[in-house]
Amino acid sequence: MALTEEHKLENFKHILECFVATIEWIGNYKDHEAAARQFPGHAAYIQPHLDDGTMCYGGQGYKRNKRPKIQNLIAQWAALDDDEQCFVALNVRGANAMSKGSYLSWSSPWIGAWVNIKANVNDDKQGTKRVDSLFICHQDDAAAPADLTMMLQELGLFDDQKPNDNLKRFWREFKGKFEQDKKKHRPKSERNSV
């Protein structure tokens, strides 16, 4: 069954919220557990996994054939298009969860296409590390330049509302970069027919 654009946007919003909640929890729970339990998204995205013992503290979701546990955190929303071979993977660097080495990747390993979303992190007044914005990039380098950056508030994350115009723009940019890369990696015989 094909997903509607509205459903894809809602899935995308859940994925972004889960990504932020996951790296904020992993980056703070050891030193600031009480504060981290109050962060937006904790009750919806983290606590259920803590309660049932399935919380994962690192891993590379793009390694689908190895069934990474980290991917279970976003599995219900990970299909963002009708191509079963394309999926969003959650990749978190355990103890360094708040680094640019943690990212969401929409990829199709079968054709080598991908695009990432990474987080910009700052320390707040209480000493906890918080994600303040997300950015789209198409390089694997930790210092990769951003194609588009938006603050969490601009994206409407954790507002319990339908996806807003900024989130739609972020989605279009993410999807557009991925589609561009898919075309670039298709065999030459298929490029002209698309």
Protein backbone atom coordinates (compact mmCIF):
# COMPACT_ATOMS: atom_id res chain seq x y z
CA MET A 1 0.00 0.00 0.00
CA ALA A 2 1.42 3.36 -1.03
CA LEU A 3 1.92 5.96 1.68
CA THR A 4 0.25 9.34 1.25
CA GLU A 5 2.47 12.43 1.37
CA GLU A 6 0.77 13.40 4.66
CA HIS A 7 1.61 10.00 6.17
CA LYS A 8 5.24 10.30 4.99
CA LEU A 9 5.47 13.74 6.63
CA GLU A 10 4.03 12.42 9.89
CA ASN A 11 6.51 9.50 9.84
CA PHE A 12 9.34 11.94 9.12
CA LYS A 13 8.35 14.10 12.09
CA HIS A 14 8.29 11.05 14.39
CA ILE A 15 11.72 10.00 13.13
CA LEU A 16 13.19 13.45 13.79
CA GLU A 17 11.63 13.59 17.26
CA CYS A 18 12.88 10.09 18.10
CA PHE A 19 16.38 10.95 16.83
CA VAL A 20 16.56 14.05 19.03
CA ALA A 21 15.09 12.27 22.08
CA THR A 22 17.48 9.33 21.64
CA ILE A 23 20.70 11.30 21.39
CA GLU A 24 19.66 13.68 24.19
CA TRP A 25 18.90 10.72 26.47
CA ILE A 26 22.09 8.84 25.65
CA GLY A 27 24.17 11.99 25.94
CA ASN A 28 22.77 12.96 29.35
CA TYR A 29 21.36 10.01 31.30
CA LYS A 30 24.57 9.16 33.18
CA ASP A 31 25.19 12.63 34.62
CA HIS A 32 21.74 14.25 34.42
CA GLU A 33 19.18 11.44 34.46
CA ALA A 34 16.43 13.36 36.29
CA ALA A 35 16.71 16.31 33.89
CA ALA A 36 16.91 14.02 30.85
CA ARG A 37 13.67 12.29 31.87
CA GLN A 38 11.95 15.70 31.56
CA PHE A 39 13.17 16.42 28.02
CA PRO A 40 10.52 16.61 25.29
CA GLY A 41 10.08 13.26 23.64
CA HIS A 42 11.36 11.19 26.55
CA ALA A 43 7.94 9.85 27.56
CA ALA A 44 6.91 9.01 23.99
CA TYR A 45 10.15 7.74 22.47
CA ILE A 46 12.50 6.63 25.27
CA GLN A 47 10.51 5.51 28.31
CA PRO A 48 8.66 2.69 26.51
CA HIS A 49 12.02 1.16 25.55
CA LEU A 50 13.39 1.61 29.07
CA ASP A 51 10.27 -0.06 30.47
CA ASP A 52 10.45 -3.11 28.21
CA GLY A 53 14.25 -3.43 28.23
CA THR A 54 14.71 -2.69 24.52
CA MET A 55 16.50 0.67 24.84
CA CYS A 56 19.67 0.64 22.79
CA TYR A 57 22.58 2.99 23.47
CA GLY A 58 24.40 2.89 20.15
CA GLY A 59 24.58 1.19 16.81
CA GLN A 60 24.43 1.59 13.08
CA GLY A 61 20.93 1.15 11.74
CA TYR A 62 22.09 1.11 8.13
CA LYS A 63 23.53 -2.38 8.68
CA ARG A 64 20.13 -3.94 8.01
CA ASN A 65 21.41 -7.45 7.39
CA LYS A 66 22.82 -7.55 10.94
CA ARG A 67 19.49 -6.46 12.46
CA PRO A 68 20.83 -3.63 14.61
CA LYS A 69 18.81 -3.03 17.78
CA ILE A 70 19.15 0.75 17.44
CA GLN A 71 16.94 0.60 14.36
CA ASN A 72 14.04 -0.75 16.44
CA LEU A 73 13.61 2.73 17.95
CA ILE A 74 12.37 4.11 14.60
CA ALA A 75 11.34 0.95 12.74
CA GLN A 76 7.63 1.76 12.65
CA TRP A 77 8.29 4.99 10.72
CA ALA A 78 11.44 4.13 8.73
CA ALA A 79 9.82 3.54 5.32
CA LEU A 80 9.47 7.02 3.83
CA ASP A 81 8.74 6.07 0.27
CA ASP A 82 7.20 3.22 -1.66
CA ASP A 83 10.58 1.68 -2.54
CA GLU A 84 11.17 -1.09 0.00
CA GLN A 85 14.92 -0.88 -0.63
CA CYS A 86 15.10 2.70 0.65
CA PHE A 87 14.90 3.30 4.38
CA VAL A 88 15.93 5.70 7.12
CA ALA A 89 18.56 4.37 9.49
CA LEU A 90 19.32 5.63 12.99
CA ASN A 91 23.06 5.70 13.68
CA VAL A 92 24.19 6.62 17.19
CA ARG A 93 27.74 6.67 18.52
CA GLY A 94 27.08 5.41 22.07
CA ALA A 95 29.15 7.44 24.54
CA ASN A 96 29.62 10.10 21.85
CA ALA A 97 25.93 10.24 20.99
CA MET A 98 25.92 14.03 20.94
CA SER A 99 28.68 14.18 18.30
CA LYS A 100 28.15 14.79 14.61
CA GLY A 101 28.94 11.07 14.25
CA SER A 102 25.31 10.37 15.21
CA TYR A 103 22.95 10.83 12.29
CA LEU A 104 19.87 9.77 10.42
CA SER A 105 20.60 8.41 6.99
CA TRP A 106 18.09 7.85 4.21
CA SER A 107 19.78 5.37 2.00
CA SER A 108 19.52 2.70 -0.59
CA PRO A 109 22.62 0.56 -0.11
CA TRP A 110 21.80 -1.40 -3.24
CA ILE A 111 22.49 1.61 -5.44
CA GLY A 112 24.77 3.61 -3.12
CA ALA A 113 22.50 6.63 -2.66
CA TRP A 114 22.23 8.41 0.69
CA VAL A 115 21.70 11.73 2.50
CA ASN A 116 22.11 12.49 6.23
CA ILE A 117 20.50 14.56 8.97
CA LYS A 118 22.75 15.54 11.87
CA ALA A 119 22.24 17.54 15.06
CA ASN A 120 23.80 20.72 16.39
CA VAL A 121 24.23 20.44 20.16
CA ASN A 122 24.76 23.03 22.90
CA ASP A 123 25.09 22.89 26.69
CA ASP A 124 22.23 24.49 28.57
CA LYS A 125 22.47 26.38 31.89
CA GLN A 126 22.10 23.16 33.91
CA GLY A 127 25.04 21.53 32.11
CA THR A 128 22.92 19.16 30.05
CA LYS A 129 23.57 18.77 26.36
CA ARG A 130 20.62 19.72 24.19
CA VAL A 131 19.94 19.53 20.47
CA ASP A 132 18.97 22.97 19.22
CA SER A 133 18.85 22.40 15.47
CA LEU A 134 19.05 19.76 12.77
CA PHE A 135 20.79 19.99 9.43
CA ILE A 136 20.79 18.10 6.16
CA CYS A 137 24.15 17.23 4.62
CA HIS A 138 25.40 15.01 1.88
CA GLN A 139 28.88 14.28 3.15
CA ASP A 140 30.03 11.76 5.70
CA ASP A 141 32.63 14.11 7.18
CA ALA A 142 31.90 15.36 10.72
CA ALA A 143 32.63 18.90 9.50
CA ALA A 144 30.34 18.53 6.47
CA PRO A 145 28.66 21.77 5.42
CA ALA A 146 24.92 21.95 5.92
CA ASP A 147 22.58 22.08 2.93
CA LEU A 148 19.77 23.31 5.20
CA THR A 149 19.66 23.95 8.97
CA MET A 150 16.53 24.51 11.06
CA MET A 151 15.92 25.02 14.77
CA LEU A 152 13.76 22.39 16.51
CA GLN A 153 11.11 25.02 17.25
CA GLU A 154 10.99 26.05 13.58
CA LEU A 155 10.39 22.42 12.64
CA GLY A 156 7.59 22.15 15.19
CA LEU A 157 9.15 19.12 16.86
CA PHE A 158 7.44 17.94 20.06
CA ASP A 159 4.48 20.31 19.55
CA ASP A 160 1.86 17.55 19.12
CA GLN A 161 0.64 19.26 15.93
CA LYS A 162 0.51 18.25 12.27
CA PRO A 163 3.72 18.90 10.31
CA ASN A 164 4.20 22.65 9.76
CA ASP A 165 5.49 24.47 6.66
CA ASN A 166 9.10 24.48 7.86
CA LEU A 167 9.03 20.73 8.47
CA LYS A 168 7.54 20.29 4.98
CA ARG A 169 10.39 22.36 3.54
CA PHE A 170 12.96 20.31 5.49
CA TRP A 171 11.28 17.12 4.20
CA ARG A 172 11.31 18.37 0.58
CA GLU A 173 15.03 19.22 0.85
CA PHE A 174 15.86 15.84 2.43
CA LYS A 175 13.77 13.95 -0.11
CA GLY A 176 15.10 16.04 -3.01
CA LYS A 177 18.75 15.41 -2.07
CA PHE A 178 18.05 11.69 -1.82
CA GLU A 179 16.23 11.57 -5.16
CA GLN A 180 19.11 13.49 -6.77
CA ASP A 181 21.60 11.01 -5.41
CA LYS A 182 19.50 8.02 -6.49
CA LYS A 183 19.47 9.33 -10.07
CA LYS A 184 23.22 9.89 -9.99
CA HIS A 185 23.83 6.29 -8.89
CA ARG A 186 21.44 4.58 -11.32
CA PRO A 187 22.98 2.75 -14.26
CA LYS A 188 23.31 5.06 -17.29
CA SER A 189 20.70 3.03 -19.18
CA GLU A 190 18.08 3.91 -16.52
CA ARG A 191 19.02 7.59 -15.97
CA ASN A 192 17.40 8.89 -19.17
CA SER A 193 14.17 6.95 -18.66
CA VAL A 194 13.42 8.56 -15.29
